[in-house]
Amino acid sequence: MIKKYSVKKLLNQGKFLLNKKVLVEGWIRSFRYSIFISLNDGSTIQNLQIVLSTNKLDKIIMKKITIGSSIRVIGIVKKSIGKKQYIELQSLDITIYELVNPEILQKSILQPKRHSFEKLREQAHLRFQTNIFSCIMRIRHHIAFCIHKYFHEHGFFYLHSPIITTSNCEGTGKMFQITTMDLKKNQLIDYAKDFFKCKTYLSVSGQLEAETASLGLGKVYTFGPVFRAENSNTSRHLSEFWMIEPEIAFYHLEENINLAEKFLKFVIRYIVENSMEDLIFLNQCLEKWKKKKKNYLLEKLELILKFPFKKISYTETIKILDQEEKKKNIKFSHPIIWGMDLKSEHEQYLVDKYFKKIPVIIFDYPCSIKAFYMRMNNDGKTVRAMDVLFPEIGEIIGGSQREERYDMLLQRMKDTNIDSNKLWWYLDTRRFGSVPHSGFGLGFDRLVQFITGMNNIRDVIPFPRTPNNAEF
């Protein structure tokens, strides 16, 4: 029986398979001089060169072949005469699965020319077949894989938190409501008659459930989709996206900060070591299209690995920004005042300019701008919060030491108008052997965006869900 190989495996093991008969399948990326086919099956950015023979069968096939067509090839592995590849496949037999009409191809994003990212999004069902998007998707896979790898190797348990919820974890922001009822205007709704007998929503976070699990399992993490209904059309926001949320019992803020740094560096190091082929291709695209400097992407990632992250308090951050504004005559759109929520202009200045693109971890934020579940500091004004800021994209991680004291948590819920009756179960955990514990949330898609160098977050997720867009 003839052994089937992926294009990637065949190219990697080619020198050991010289003069062997093999089987490959894929899509035609190009067809040159009526003899050379470039074949790709999605396993790698590299194409396999198929050399057609001059037999009658191949001559008949030559007349039919079009770019995008899917084929099955049996052939002999030979050392290539050309310099671009080490091996090529001399065809013995070709089976055409499906031909693509050239007229249809010309109207699609698979037409061999450069298309804008906006155009690719319009045909999202086809963009997996493009070089750039297949690169991004392979890198996305490897990032997801190594996240599970890191947590597994460090004793964490993977938790499936619910997607349907009755609570808003953050206490802010709009949520997507779920109902089986007919919601007519100006009609009083009795939610006791709804499917769950109460108001329910798509979850914005699995954190609260993960906290309860950590208070029995020690170290847990969630990795799943979350949903936010803000009408935000920026290049950094999605309505449906993926979050990673570790929660760890017996963990203080300092340990949480260290975990976040080690975790991010592990992921980036893994991608540099295992996705270099795709990174190089993306780097070449960025050089050509975005006029980025040579090796821009690789140097950016190496910089993350090279230096320890900068760690400063919120109060120190305000002082730095205030001094910079006065000293360098910079005018921020939002004035620098202690107690303000830092805007992207402040975050980007701090990381990109002041700390020369080295990531920054800011901690001890004012309690007035942070969520109810964050542990209050002894000063009564700040909480044990932490944000990790990355160059170019700003906040990538938000976390804190959680409030483990029942009375303090109850008071914070009252102060922030959180309904303690809805979250009775969350409060209740503080009465059963409560301990110091911490955690954070990492926006997975934003991490993919940073690693791949894409300007728009919609270009790093298979089917983006944004305001006015739920197609595909």
Foldseek 3Di string as FASTA:
>chain_A
DAEEDAPVVCQVCVVVQAFHKHKYKAFFLDQPPLFWTFGHHLPALHTAIEGEDPDPVSVVVSVQADGGWIKMFIFGWHQDPDPPGGIHGYGDDMDTPDHDDVVVCVVAPSVPDDDDVVRCQVPLVPNCVPSLLSLLQVLLVLLVVVLVVVCVVVQAAEDEADQKADDAQQLDAAFAKDWPDDDDPPDDDQCCPTPVRHTITGYQDRALVLQLVCLPRFKYKYWAKGAGDDQDDDLQDFRIFIKIKMKGFPDALVNQVVCVLVSLLSSLVSCVVPSVSSLQVLQVVCCVPVVDDHCNLVVLSVLQNPDDAAEEEPVVLLVVVVCCCVVVVDDDPDDRDQQDDDDPVSQQCCQCPVVPFHKYKYFFHFLVPGGLFFDADPVNGTGGKIFIAGHPNGTFKTKHWTHLALVSSVVSCVVSVNDCVSVVVSSVSSVPPTGTMMMMMGGSLVSSCSNSVPSGSCSNDSNTHHVPDDDD
